[in-house]
Structure formats: structure tokens, C-alpha cells
Amino acid sequence: MSVTRRSLGAIAIAVSALLTLGACANTGSDGAPLAEQQDLKVGLASLPINLDVLQNSAEGKIIGPMQHVLEPLVKRDGDSFEPWLAESWENPDDLTWVFTIRSDVKFSDGTVLTAEDARASLRRLIDTESPLAPLLAAVENIEATDDSTLTIETKTPLGTLLTTLSQILIGQGAVINDEAYWAKPIGTGPFVIDEFVADQRFALSRNDDYWGPETKLDTITYIGMPEEAARISALSTGEVDIIDGVSPDAIPEVQSLDSVTFESVPSYAIQYIWFNSSREPYTDVRVRQALWHALDLEQIVSDLYGDQASVAQAPVPQAVFGAAKLEPYTYDPELAKELLAEAGYPDGFSTTMQFSSSTGVPPFMQTVISYWAEIGVTVEPLPKEQAIWLDDLLALNWDMNVQSPSVTSGDADYHLGRLYVSSANRLGYANPEYDALVTAARESVDQQERISLYAEASKILWEDAPAIWAADQTANVAYRDYVTGVTIDAGNRNDYSAVVLRAK
């Protein structure tokens, strides 16, 4: 066969196009060259001790890495939700939700995803009394009516259902209750598990048959590094590419590192102090309000956290769906003394504050104790081992309690409807008007109505002061400058599947 000049031209054009495509494949969207090896290394303060995301559904250190392997039915997108494993859903009536499962999704072993996988996953979460199980207490029935249809029936309307489902990762229904499955779970996500060593190492590699958005990374390796100094050192030398959870004290050091970027966003975590409202003197709202007015929270938050926290404006952080915007209590020690005198404590009183010793002595606690001493209130810190602390917390065997938990679901109901309602009895606090508002908010499927109801409920809590909600905290990461595409999750569950590594 002879080759004509025209055909030679066509060949040249084709070769040129292939070369161009090859060049594009090795550059990022900004034209910068990419690293040949797309291997991301992440240094974490702690890694999970097991991978059972349904039994440990509120554990960020498990959910964060495992969301690259298993996926939810829906994903939160700001104040709304986007379809994921479920391509659509509808409400035929107030008590029924019907989800259509995508037909083009397979697990990494080639098994087709069906509605039964979703049903079995939700059932396991409920049956194992997972931390998220109470959020599904109103669920009456879960049924896979066919391979692509999941029907959930509730006892009462459940406006929080999509929020809860966005937190639940779906496993393989046929083996969901087998212990062996959770040793190395097979999922539908963009990565598969190569190796897991509890507390030490969690290695993932790309699932080349993934149904969803393409990921450039070949591997993600999570490395357990309990000591913050070791994590920072590893970041500075390039031993790891990303670290998260940098403490306020260490931020200046991290920001001074060459070729390192530090970023933070408002998080779902909040610093608070609870009062046991079933014990004297905290049965009197004036005492609770007095202790709040005695704190200069603007100064305290600035001194302890710098720009990594802000004074709370509601019982849940501002990053959370349904957070109100309320006026912080004024710093007024004279008013605090007047309120104590009116309550029968003109000379103050002595009390205790418990905390989990696993967190160390909270600097926040030490600071507020010094402020309260100025109005005659003496506080003895009571460190307790985690298990004892939790038992005493639930038994109301304490005067005051300090902690900084996260609103795990990103929805105000996770705290407002779980911790402060009378039936929970977590603080010895009860207000029927508050209970009614929170119940109405949970049952409404109108998201704007839910926001309004949570605002009313939050105002009641703010005035009743069963707690001092002190500071909204941030979530942060620090990473080498060649790392691109990093997004920070407010719940510290960072998804790194969109990360791309530039050439160093």
C-alpha cells in the first residue's frame, strides 16, 4: 500500500493530537506539571481501631478515611442534598420515603449495588445501637421493594432523615453482619483497601472501575502519628503531604514552615460547660446566668484560640444547619454578683467540674475557673478516666461538665433534639415549650420551617442557660504546596479523592 502526501498529513495530525493529549494528561487544570506518582500520605493524630462504620457511625477518625471506600445514599450540599447512590427520592406522604438506587453502580468486586445493600446497612446501624441509631428512632420499616427501590416508613414525619442518611455509608448487604467483612470492607467508592493496621496505617489504592467522578490519585496512605510534634516534623520534611487537627499553640510553627499551606474553616465543634440543673445551686437559673456573665468570652476565646475560634452565638456552631444567631451574654461581673445574691449566694459557693482525663487538663477550664474566683465561686477540677467520666455524665453524677464535642451530623437536631430535650435528661434540665419546638422541627420536611423552629428553641435554651456555649471552633489542615484540590470538612471528615499532586 502506498502512502500519499495527504495520508502522511493525516498521520502527522493524529500523532500531534496524541502527543498533545499525553502532555495534557501530565498537567493540571492550571497547566502545571503533575507528579508521576500520585501517592498521597496523610498524617493523623489517631487512626481507627476497626473499620466498622455502621457500628461506629459517629467516629470521624473512621468515617473520614472510610468514605473513600464506602458511600452514602445522599450527600449534603450546603443546606440541601445531592443524589449519590440514590439517584432520586420522593415522599408519597408524610410518613413514606421512596429512594431509587442507581443502576450503574458496582462494588469493587463487581457485585451490582441494590436496594437490599442499603436496607441491610441501615438495619445493621439500628440493630447494633450505633451512635447514630437514635436519629432513626422514628423509622417504622425499611424495605427493599425491588432491586432499585428502597422504601422507608416512619412513625412520625422525619425532616432529619436526609441529614442522617448522608452520614451512613453503605456496605454489601449479603455479608454486612459478618465480622470478616469488616476486616477489609468492599465498597462502591473511588478507592479500595490495600492494608489496615489498627492505630498505625491505612492504605488505599484507586478503584479503576469506579462509577463516579474520576480521581487522579493512585493511592492514599493514612499514617497514625499521635504526637503533634512528630506530625509537624513529618510535614516539614515531606514524609507526609497533609496533616490535620493542628492545635492553636502549634499553628504559628506550622505557618512558618517553607512550602506549607495552612487553612481552616468554621467547624461543627463547640466548646461548652454544662450545669447539672437537678443539683443545687444550678437549679436556679440566676446562678447559671451569673456564671455566664462572669466570663469575658471575647478575651478568653481570643487568648486561647486566636482566630481559630469565635464566641458562640447559639447552642450549636454557626457552621451547622439550623444554627440561630443570638446575642452573646455580656461580661458583667457586678451583675453576676447581684444574680448570685438574689439566688441566696452573696458570698459565692464551692463546686466541682468534671472532665475526661483523656483530653488532658483543658486550658479553657483553667481560665474560666480563675474568672469565677473573682465572684466568689471556687471550682475544684475533677479529672476522670473516659469510661468513668461517661458513666457519671449519663448518671448526672456531677456539678459541672466541660467538653468540646462535634455536632456530628451537621444538623442542629443532633444536639438540640438529642441532648437538651426532657426525655434525654442529660443535664437535669426540662422545658416542655422547648421540647415541643424541637419535636416540630424534627418532624417538618420544610427545611426553612425547621430553621425557624430551631431559632425559637435556641432562644429558650439561651435564656434558661442550662449550659454556657462558649466558642465555635475551626477545622484545619496543613499541606505541602504541591498538593492541590484540598477541601476541609467542617466535621473533620476530609474527602481527599479530588486531590492532585503537582510535580515537586
Protein backbone atom coordinates (compact mmCIF):
# COMPACT_ATOMS: atom_id res chain seq x y z
CA MET A 1 0.00 0.00 0.00
CA SER A 2 1.39 3.39 -0.97
CA VAL A 3 1.29 6.30 1.44
CA THR A 4 0.13 9.53 -0.16
CA ARG A 5 1.09 13.02 0.91
CA ARG A 6 -2.49 13.51 2.13
CA SER A 7 -2.33 10.37 4.29
CA LEU A 8 1.06 11.41 5.66
CA GLY A 9 -0.51 14.71 6.68
CA ALA A 10 -3.35 12.91 8.41
CA ILE A 11 -0.90 10.69 10.28
CA ALA A 12 1.11 13.71 11.37
CA ILE A 13 -2.03 15.40 12.69
CA ALA A 14 -3.03 12.23 14.57
CA VAL A 15 0.42 11.86 16.14
CA SER A 16 0.41 15.53 17.12
CA ALA A 17 -3.00 15.10 18.75
CA LEU A 18 -1.82 12.08 20.70
CA LEU A 19 1.24 13.94 21.90
CA THR A 20 -0.95 16.87 22.96
CA LEU A 21 -3.29 14.55 24.85
CA GLY A 22 -0.32 12.93 26.55
CA ALA A 23 1.01 16.30 27.60
CA CYS A 24 -2.43 17.31 28.92
CA ALA A 25 -2.64 14.10 30.91
CA ASN A 26 0.50 15.10 32.79
CA THR A 27 -0.61 18.61 33.63
CA GLY A 28 -3.23 20.01 35.94
CA SER A 29 -6.15 22.24 35.04
CA ASP A 30 -3.83 25.23 35.53
CA GLY A 31 -1.25 23.79 33.14
CA ALA A 32 1.24 22.97 35.91
CA PRO A 33 3.06 19.62 35.52
CA LEU A 34 1.79 16.79 37.72
CA ALA A 35 3.80 14.34 39.79
CA GLU A 36 4.34 11.00 38.04
CA GLN A 37 3.43 9.16 41.23
CA GLN A 38 0.08 10.34 42.59
CA ASP A 39 0.60 8.91 46.09
CA LEU A 40 -0.88 10.97 48.92
CA LYS A 41 0.35 10.47 52.51
CA VAL A 42 -1.76 11.83 55.37
CA GLY A 43 -0.53 12.11 58.96
CA LEU A 44 -3.35 11.78 61.51
CA ALA A 45 -3.37 12.10 65.29
CA SER A 46 -5.30 8.84 65.53
CA LEU A 47 -6.44 6.07 63.23
CA PRO A 48 -9.39 3.75 63.81
CA ILE A 49 -9.06 0.50 65.73
CA ASN A 50 -11.55 -1.15 63.35
CA LEU A 51 -13.37 -0.31 60.12
CA ASP A 52 -16.99 -0.99 61.07
CA VAL A 53 -18.50 2.33 60.00
CA LEU A 54 -22.03 1.25 60.92
CA GLN A 55 -21.28 0.24 64.49
CA ASN A 56 -19.07 3.32 64.92
CA SER A 57 -21.13 5.75 62.86
CA ALA A 58 -20.17 8.91 64.77
CA GLU A 59 -16.40 8.31 64.76
CA GLY A 60 -14.82 10.87 62.46
CA LYS A 61 -11.48 9.06 62.51
CA ILE A 62 -13.24 6.04 60.93
CA ILE A 63 -15.72 7.81 58.66
CA GLY A 64 -13.13 10.22 57.19
CA PRO A 65 -10.87 7.57 55.65
CA MET A 66 -13.65 5.03 55.01
CA GLN A 67 -15.78 7.43 52.93
CA HIS A 68 -13.24 6.81 50.16
CA VAL A 69 -14.27 3.14 50.17
CA LEU A 70 -17.97 3.13 51.12
CA GLU A 71 -20.51 5.78 50.10
CA PRO A 72 -23.86 7.19 51.31
CA LEU A 73 -27.22 7.32 49.56
CA VAL A 74 -27.14 11.14 49.50
CA LYS A 75 -24.55 13.83 50.18
CA ARG A 76 -25.04 17.15 51.92
CA ASP A 77 -24.50 20.18 49.69
CA GLY A 78 -24.76 23.26 51.89
CA ASP A 79 -28.34 23.39 53.15
CA SER A 80 -29.56 20.90 50.53
CA PHE A 81 -28.71 17.36 49.41
CA GLU A 82 -27.42 15.85 46.19
CA PRO A 83 -28.17 12.34 44.91
CA TRP A 84 -25.37 9.82 45.27
CA LEU A 85 -26.01 6.08 45.48
CA ALA A 86 -29.68 7.04 45.39
CA GLU A 87 -30.36 8.89 42.14
CA SER A 88 -33.69 10.31 43.36
CA TRP A 89 -36.25 10.21 46.16
CA GLU A 90 -39.84 11.22 46.80
CA ASN A 91 -42.37 11.49 49.62
CA PRO A 92 -45.71 9.96 48.58
CA ASP A 93 -46.94 11.03 52.02
CA ASP A 94 -45.51 12.50 55.24
CA LEU A 95 -44.55 9.06 56.60
CA THR A 96 -43.05 7.47 53.49
CA TRP A 97 -39.75 7.97 51.67
CA VAL A 98 -39.04 6.14 48.42
CA PHE A 99 -35.43 6.11 47.13
CA THR A 100 -34.42 4.97 43.65
CA ILE A 101 -31.00 3.32 43.73
CA ARG A 102 -28.61 3.92 40.82
CA SER A 103 -28.47 1.02 38.38
CA ASP A 104 -24.91 1.69 37.15
CA VAL A 105 -23.06 1.23 40.45
CA LYS A 106 -20.95 -1.80 41.30
CA PHE A 107 -18.91 -2.74 44.33
CA SER A 108 -15.19 -3.03 43.64
CA ASP A 109 -15.54 -6.85 43.40
CA GLY A 110 -18.01 -6.45 40.51
CA THR A 111 -21.19 -7.08 42.51
CA VAL A 112 -24.05 -4.80 41.47
CA LEU A 113 -25.37 -2.41 44.13
CA THR A 114 -29.04 -3.00 45.00
CA ALA A 115 -31.61 -1.58 47.39
CA GLU A 116 -31.04 -4.61 49.63
CA ASP A 117 -27.49 -3.40 50.33
CA ALA A 118 -28.90 -0.10 51.56
CA ARG A 119 -31.65 -1.79 53.59
CA ALA A 120 -29.21 -4.17 55.30
CA SER A 121 -26.77 -1.35 56.07
CA LEU A 122 -29.44 0.80 57.71
CA ARG A 123 -30.80 -2.20 59.60
CA ARG A 124 -27.34 -3.05 60.96
CA LEU A 125 -26.78 0.51 62.13
CA ILE A 126 -30.05 0.40 64.07
CA ASP A 127 -29.63 -3.13 65.45
CA THR A 128 -26.09 -2.53 66.75
CA GLU A 129 -27.32 0.54 68.65
CA SER A 130 -24.82 2.69 66.78
CA PRO A 131 -24.36 6.31 67.95
CA LEU A 132 -26.50 7.45 65.01
CA ALA A 133 -29.24 4.89 65.70
CA PRO A 134 -31.31 7.28 67.89
CA LEU A 135 -31.64 9.55 64.86
CA LEU A 136 -33.61 6.76 63.18
CA ALA A 137 -35.81 6.00 66.20
CA ALA A 138 -38.88 7.19 64.28
CA VAL A 139 -38.29 4.65 61.49
CA GLU A 140 -41.04 2.01 61.44
CA ASN A 141 -39.97 -0.11 58.49
CA ILE A 142 -37.19 -0.35 55.89
CA GLU A 143 -37.88 -2.44 52.80
CA ALA A 144 -36.14 -3.18 49.52
CA THR A 145 -39.27 -3.44 47.40
CA ASP A 146 -37.17 -4.36 44.35
CA ASP A 147 -33.52 -4.13 43.31
CA SER A 148 -33.70 -0.40 42.67
CA THR A 149 -36.31 0.76 45.21
CA LEU A 150 -35.78 1.38 48.92
CA THR A 151 -38.84 2.36 50.95
CA ILE A 152 -38.55 3.83 54.44
CA GLU A 153 -41.69 4.24 56.55
CA THR A 154 -41.67 6.34 59.71
CA LYS A 155 -43.93 6.53 62.77
CA THR A 156 -43.98 10.32 62.60
CA PRO A 157 -42.77 12.75 59.92
CA LEU A 158 -38.95 12.86 59.93
CA GLY A 159 -37.44 16.01 58.45
CA THR A 160 -33.93 14.98 59.53
CA LEU A 161 -33.87 11.75 57.52
CA LEU A 162 -31.77 13.02 54.60
CA THR A 163 -29.26 14.52 57.04
CA THR A 164 -28.92 11.18 58.79
CA LEU A 165 -28.66 9.21 55.55
CA SER A 166 -25.85 11.49 54.37
CA GLN A 167 -23.80 10.20 57.32
CA ILE A 168 -24.43 6.48 56.78
CA LEU A 169 -22.07 4.55 54.48
CA ILE A 170 -23.50 1.61 52.55
CA GLY A 171 -21.83 -1.81 52.64
CA GLN A 172 -22.56 -5.16 51.00
CA GLY A 173 -25.87 -6.45 52.31
CA ALA A 174 -25.14 -10.17 51.90
CA VAL A 175 -22.17 -10.02 54.30
CA ILE A 176 -22.94 -6.86 56.27
CA ASN A 177 -23.18 -8.76 59.57
CA ASP A 178 -20.06 -10.87 59.06
CA GLU A 179 -17.08 -9.87 61.18
CA ALA A 180 -14.75 -10.93 58.37
CA TYR A 181 -16.31 -8.38 56.01
CA TRP A 182 -15.41 -5.50 58.33
CA ALA A 183 -11.76 -6.58 58.45
CA LYS A 184 -11.45 -5.34 54.86
CA PRO A 185 -14.77 -3.90 53.65
CA ILE A 186 -15.57 -3.88 49.94
CA GLY A 187 -17.41 -0.77 48.79
CA THR A 188 -18.59 1.26 45.82
CA GLY A 189 -16.19 4.16 46.37
CA PRO A 190 -13.24 5.51 44.38
CA PHE A 191 -10.68 3.55 46.43
CA VAL A 192 -10.17 0.01 47.71
CA ILE A 193 -8.38 -1.11 50.86
CA ASP A 194 -4.85 -2.47 50.46
CA GLU A 195 -3.81 -2.67 54.10
CA PHE A 196 -5.14 -1.80 57.55
CA VAL A 197 -3.12 -1.92 60.76
CA ALA A 198 -5.15 -0.62 63.69
CA ASP A 199 -3.92 2.73 65.04
CA GLN A 200 -0.93 2.70 62.66
CA ARG A 201 -1.59 2.53 58.93
CA PHE A 202 -4.49 2.54 56.49
CA ALA A 203 -3.53 2.17 52.82
CA LEU A 204 -5.91 2.66 49.87
CA SER A 205 -5.47 2.34 46.11
CA ARG A 206 -7.60 3.71 43.28
CA ASN A 207 -10.65 1.75 42.13
CA ASP A 208 -10.19 1.98 38.36
CA ASP A 209 -13.75 0.76 37.77
CA TYR A 210 -15.33 3.46 39.93
CA TRP A 211 -18.71 4.63 38.67
CA GLY A 212 -18.36 8.26 39.80
CA PRO A 213 -16.03 11.25 39.22
CA GLU A 214 -12.50 10.40 38.14
CA THR A 215 -9.77 10.65 40.75
CA LYS A 216 -6.14 11.34 39.83
CA LEU A 217 -4.63 9.84 42.97
CA ASP A 218 -3.14 6.36 42.70
CA THR A 219 -3.01 5.80 46.45
CA ILE A 220 -3.89 7.38 49.78
CA THR A 221 -1.99 6.24 52.86
CA TYR A 222 -3.07 7.34 56.33
CA ILE A 223 -0.33 7.15 58.96
CA GLY A 224 -1.06 7.26 62.68
CA MET A 225 1.09 9.91 64.42
CA PRO A 226 -0.20 10.56 67.95
CA GLU A 227 2.43 13.19 68.78
CA GLU A 228 1.72 16.57 67.21
CA ALA A 229 5.43 17.44 67.09
CA ALA A 230 6.05 14.29 65.05
CA ARG A 231 3.27 15.17 62.61
CA ILE A 232 4.61 18.69 62.10
CA SER A 233 8.14 17.37 61.61
CA ALA A 234 6.91 14.82 59.06
CA LEU A 235 5.09 17.57 57.17
CA SER A 236 8.14 19.83 57.16
CA THR A 237 10.37 17.11 55.67
CA GLY A 238 7.78 15.87 53.18
CA GLU A 239 7.42 12.49 54.89
CA VAL A 240 3.69 13.21 54.78
CA ASP A 241 1.82 15.57 52.47
CA ILE A 242 -1.07 16.58 54.75
CA ILE A 243 -1.80 16.78 58.47
CA ASP A 244 -4.98 17.92 60.18
CA GLY A 245 -6.14 18.99 63.63
CA VAL A 246 -3.28 21.43 64.28
CA SER A 247 -3.66 22.80 67.82
CA PRO A 248 -3.86 26.60 68.30
CA ASP A 249 -0.48 26.64 70.05
CA ALA A 250 1.21 24.91 67.11
CA ILE A 251 -0.31 26.99 64.33
CA PRO A 252 2.43 29.69 64.29
CA GLU A 253 5.08 26.99 63.88
CA VAL A 254 3.18 25.36 61.01
CA GLN A 255 2.56 28.70 59.31
CA SER A 256 6.31 29.42 59.42
CA LEU A 257 7.23 26.26 57.53
CA ASP A 258 8.55 26.69 53.99
CA SER A 259 6.33 25.41 51.17
CA VAL A 260 3.44 24.62 53.51
CA THR A 261 -0.11 25.97 53.33
CA PHE A 262 -2.33 26.20 56.43
CA GLU A 263 -6.11 26.52 56.04
CA SER A 264 -9.05 26.44 58.43
CA VAL A 265 -12.84 26.66 58.20
CA PRO A 266 -15.61 27.04 60.81
CA SER A 267 -16.37 23.58 62.16
CA TYR A 268 -19.17 21.61 63.80
CA ALA A 269 -17.26 21.56 67.12
CA ILE A 270 -18.25 23.73 70.08
CA GLN A 271 -16.69 24.37 73.49
CA TYR A 272 -19.23 24.33 76.29
CA ILE A 273 -19.83 23.89 80.01
CA TRP A 274 -22.88 22.02 81.21
CA PHE A 275 -24.65 22.67 84.51
CA ASN A 276 -26.41 19.86 86.36
CA SER A 277 -29.76 21.61 86.69
CA SER A 278 -31.03 18.91 89.07
CA ARG A 279 -28.42 19.85 91.70
CA GLU A 280 -28.13 22.90 93.90
CA PRO A 281 -27.18 25.62 93.23
CA TYR A 282 -27.76 25.04 89.48
CA THR A 283 -31.49 24.50 89.93
CA ASP A 284 -31.69 28.32 89.99
CA VAL A 285 -31.44 29.94 86.56
CA ARG A 286 -29.94 33.06 88.17
CA VAL A 287 -26.89 31.07 89.26
CA ARG A 288 -26.40 29.70 85.77
CA GLN A 289 -26.77 33.13 84.19
CA ALA A 290 -24.43 34.65 86.79
CA LEU A 291 -21.62 32.26 85.89
CA TRP A 292 -22.07 33.14 82.22
CA HIS A 293 -22.00 36.90 82.86
CA ALA A 294 -18.81 36.41 84.91
CA LEU A 295 -16.84 35.32 81.83
CA ASP A 296 -15.19 37.68 79.37
CA LEU A 297 -15.59 35.26 76.50
CA GLU A 298 -14.28 37.66 73.86
CA GLN A 299 -10.98 37.86 75.74
CA ILE A 300 -10.90 34.19 76.71
CA VAL A 301 -11.52 32.95 73.18
CA SER A 302 -9.01 35.40 71.71
CA ASP A 303 -6.30 34.47 74.23
CA LEU A 304 -6.77 30.71 73.96
CA TYR A 305 -7.63 30.20 70.31
CA GLY A 306 -6.69 33.34 68.38
CA ASP A 307 -8.54 33.32 65.07
CA GLN A 308 -9.21 29.57 65.33
CA ALA A 309 -12.45 30.06 67.29
CA SER A 310 -15.17 32.64 67.79
CA VAL A 311 -17.58 33.40 70.62
CA ALA A 312 -20.64 31.17 70.27
CA GLN A 313 -23.89 32.77 69.13
CA ALA A 314 -26.11 29.72 69.63
CA PRO A 315 -26.17 26.30 71.32
CA VAL A 316 -24.75 24.84 68.09
CA PRO A 317 -21.94 26.25 65.90
CA GLN A 318 -22.75 28.65 63.09
CA ALA A 319 -21.49 26.11 60.52
CA VAL A 320 -24.35 23.78 61.48
CA PHE A 321 -27.70 23.74 59.65
CA GLY A 322 -30.32 25.38 61.87
CA ALA A 323 -27.90 27.49 63.94
CA ALA A 324 -29.53 30.64 65.31
CA LYS A 325 -27.78 34.00 65.73
CA LEU A 326 -28.23 35.14 69.32
CA GLU A 327 -26.62 37.94 71.30
CA PRO A 328 -23.74 36.64 73.44
CA TYR A 329 -24.01 37.21 77.19
CA THR A 330 -22.29 40.44 78.25
CA TYR A 331 -19.26 40.32 80.51
CA ASP A 332 -20.58 41.93 83.69
CA PRO A 333 -19.06 40.62 86.95
CA GLU A 334 -21.11 43.07 89.03
CA LEU A 335 -24.33 41.76 87.52
CA ALA A 336 -23.06 38.24 88.16
CA LYS A 337 -22.60 39.04 91.86
CA GLU A 338 -26.09 40.58 92.03
CA LEU A 339 -27.65 37.48 90.49
CA LEU A 340 -25.81 35.23 92.93
CA ALA A 341 -27.00 37.35 95.86
CA GLU A 342 -30.60 37.21 94.61
CA ALA A 343 -30.30 33.43 94.40
CA GLY A 344 -29.08 33.25 98.01
CA TYR A 345 -25.33 33.07 97.42
CA PRO A 346 -23.99 36.56 98.28
CA ASP A 347 -20.59 35.10 99.19
CA GLY A 348 -20.44 32.65 96.31
CA PHE A 349 -20.13 28.88 96.74
CA SER A 350 -17.83 25.90 96.14
CA THR A 351 -18.41 23.35 93.42
CA THR A 352 -16.69 20.87 91.09
CA MET A 353 -16.18 20.49 87.35
CA GLN A 354 -15.58 17.10 85.77
CA PHE A 355 -13.70 16.41 82.55
CA SER A 356 -12.32 13.41 80.73
CA SER A 357 -8.64 12.98 81.62
CA SER A 358 -8.03 11.55 78.14
CA THR A 359 -8.10 15.13 76.84
CA GLY A 360 -5.62 16.46 79.40
CA VAL A 361 -6.45 19.49 81.54
CA PRO A 362 -8.40 21.85 79.27
CA PRO A 363 -6.82 25.35 79.29
CA PHE A 364 -10.35 26.69 78.81
CA MET A 365 -11.41 25.14 82.11
CA GLN A 366 -8.45 26.60 83.97
CA THR A 367 -9.24 30.05 82.59
CA VAL A 368 -12.94 30.09 83.48
CA ILE A 369 -12.15 28.85 86.99
CA SER A 370 -9.93 31.91 87.51
CA TYR A 371 -12.74 34.22 86.35
CA TRP A 372 -15.26 32.61 88.67
CA ALA A 373 -12.93 33.01 91.63
CA GLU A 374 -13.36 36.77 91.21
CA ILE A 375 -17.08 36.48 92.06
CA GLY A 376 -16.53 34.11 94.99
CA VAL A 377 -17.13 30.81 93.21
CA THR A 378 -14.48 28.17 93.92
CA VAL A 379 -14.25 25.28 91.47
CA GLU A 380 -12.37 22.02 92.02
CA PRO A 381 -11.38 20.29 88.74
CA LEU A 382 -12.28 16.57 88.70
CA PRO A 383 -10.36 14.58 86.07
CA LYS A 384 -11.92 11.17 85.36
CA GLU A 385 -10.95 8.26 83.15
CA GLN A 386 -13.01 8.28 79.96
CA ALA A 387 -15.25 5.33 80.90
CA ILE A 388 -15.92 6.66 84.41
CA TRP A 389 -16.47 10.18 83.09
CA LEU A 390 -19.07 8.91 80.63
CA ASP A 391 -20.84 6.75 83.24
CA ASP A 392 -21.01 9.68 85.66
CA LEU A 393 -22.14 12.03 82.89
CA LEU A 394 -25.10 9.84 81.99
CA ALA A 395 -25.95 9.24 85.67
CA LEU A 396 -25.91 13.01 86.41
CA ASN A 397 -23.18 12.39 88.98
CA TRP A 398 -21.51 15.78 88.53
CA ASP A 399 -21.91 19.50 89.22
CA MET A 400 -20.42 20.98 86.05
CA ASN A 401 -19.04 19.26 82.97
CA VAL A 402 -16.67 20.66 80.33
CA GLN A 403 -16.11 19.28 76.83
CA SER A 404 -15.90 20.28 73.16
CA PRO A 405 -17.91 17.80 71.07
CA SER A 406 -18.93 17.97 67.44
CA VAL A 407 -22.44 18.24 66.02
CA THR A 408 -21.62 15.13 64.04
CA SER A 409 -24.47 15.24 61.53
CA GLY A 410 -24.08 18.94 60.72
CA ASP A 411 -27.75 19.40 61.64
CA ALA A 412 -28.88 21.28 64.76
CA ASP A 413 -31.14 18.39 65.72
CA TYR A 414 -28.11 16.25 66.59
CA HIS A 415 -27.57 18.39 69.70
CA LEU A 416 -30.83 20.30 70.17
CA GLY A 417 -33.05 17.24 69.76
CA ARG A 418 -30.74 14.68 71.35
CA LEU A 419 -29.11 16.38 74.34
CA TYR A 420 -31.43 19.04 75.73
CA VAL A 421 -34.94 17.55 75.48
CA SER A 422 -36.56 16.47 78.75
CA SER A 423 -36.65 12.79 77.76
CA ALA A 424 -32.86 12.72 77.35
CA ASN A 425 -32.29 14.04 80.89
CA ARG A 426 -28.65 14.74 80.11
CA LEU A 427 -28.39 17.90 82.23
CA GLY A 428 -31.32 17.55 84.63
CA TYR A 429 -32.97 20.26 82.53
CA ALA A 430 -36.55 20.24 81.27
CA ASN A 431 -38.67 22.77 79.40
CA PRO A 432 -41.87 21.50 77.71
CA GLU A 433 -42.06 24.51 75.39
CA TYR A 434 -38.54 23.79 74.16
CA ASP A 435 -39.38 20.10 73.69
CA ALA A 436 -42.41 20.94 71.55
CA LEU A 437 -40.43 23.24 69.25
CA VAL A 438 -37.63 20.74 68.71
CA THR A 439 -40.09 17.92 68.05
CA ALA A 440 -41.90 20.07 65.48
CA ALA A 441 -38.58 20.92 63.81
CA ARG A 442 -37.58 17.27 63.56
CA GLU A 443 -40.91 16.30 62.06
CA SER A 444 -41.06 19.08 59.46
CA VAL A 445 -39.86 18.27 55.94
CA ASP A 446 -39.84 22.01 55.16
CA GLN A 447 -36.20 22.98 55.75
CA GLN A 448 -36.93 26.70 56.14
CA GLU A 449 -39.58 25.93 58.73
CA ARG A 450 -37.06 23.80 60.59
CA ILE A 451 -34.61 26.72 60.69
CA SER A 452 -37.28 28.99 62.21
CA LEU A 453 -38.30 26.42 64.81
CA TYR A 454 -34.69 25.78 65.85
CA ALA A 455 -34.19 29.54 66.24
CA GLU A 456 -37.13 29.71 68.68
CA ALA A 457 -35.90 26.66 70.58
CA SER A 458 -32.35 28.03 70.77
CA LYS A 459 -33.59 31.30 72.25
CA ILE A 460 -35.26 29.38 75.08
CA LEU A 461 -32.06 27.46 75.81
CA TRP A 462 -30.01 30.66 75.70
CA GLU A 463 -32.23 32.32 78.31
CA ASP A 464 -32.58 29.23 80.51
CA ALA A 465 -28.78 28.75 80.41
CA PRO A 466 -28.54 25.04 81.27
CA ALA A 467 -25.08 25.40 79.76
CA ILE A 468 -22.54 28.01 78.72
CA TRP A 469 -21.96 27.66 74.99
CA ALA A 470 -18.64 29.43 74.78
CA ALA A 471 -16.80 29.03 71.49
CA ASP A 472 -17.34 27.81 67.93
CA GLN A 473 -14.16 26.07 66.86
CA THR A 474 -12.48 25.54 63.50
CA ALA A 475 -11.32 22.54 61.49
CA ASN A 476 -7.94 22.85 59.84
CA VAL A 477 -5.37 21.18 57.63
CA ALA A 478 -1.79 21.93 56.68
CA TYR A 479 -0.32 20.59 53.47
CA ARG A 480 2.68 20.83 51.18
CA ASP A 481 2.35 23.38 48.39
CA TYR A 482 2.40 20.74 45.65
CA VAL A 483 -0.91 19.36 46.99
CA THR A 484 -3.96 20.80 45.19
CA GLY A 485 -7.69 20.24 45.43
CA VAL A 486 -7.85 20.10 49.23
CA THR A 487 -11.24 20.83 50.78
CA ILE A 488 -11.81 20.90 54.53
CA ASP A 489 -14.86 19.25 56.02
CA ALA A 490 -16.47 21.08 58.95
CA GLY A 491 -16.91 17.73 60.68
CA ASN A 492 -13.23 16.75 60.27
CA ARG A 493 -14.12 14.06 57.73
CA ASN A 494 -11.96 15.22 54.87
CA ASP A 495 -12.52 13.70 51.43
CA TYR A 496 -9.23 13.64 49.52
CA SER A 497 -10.50 11.95 46.35
CA ALA A 498 -10.25 15.21 44.35
CA VAL A 499 -6.65 15.92 45.40
CA VAL A 500 -3.99 16.15 42.69
CA LEU A 501 -0.23 16.29 43.33
CA ARG A 502 1.86 18.71 41.27
CA ALA A 503 5.42 17.86 40.39
CA LYS A 504 7.77 18.86 43.23
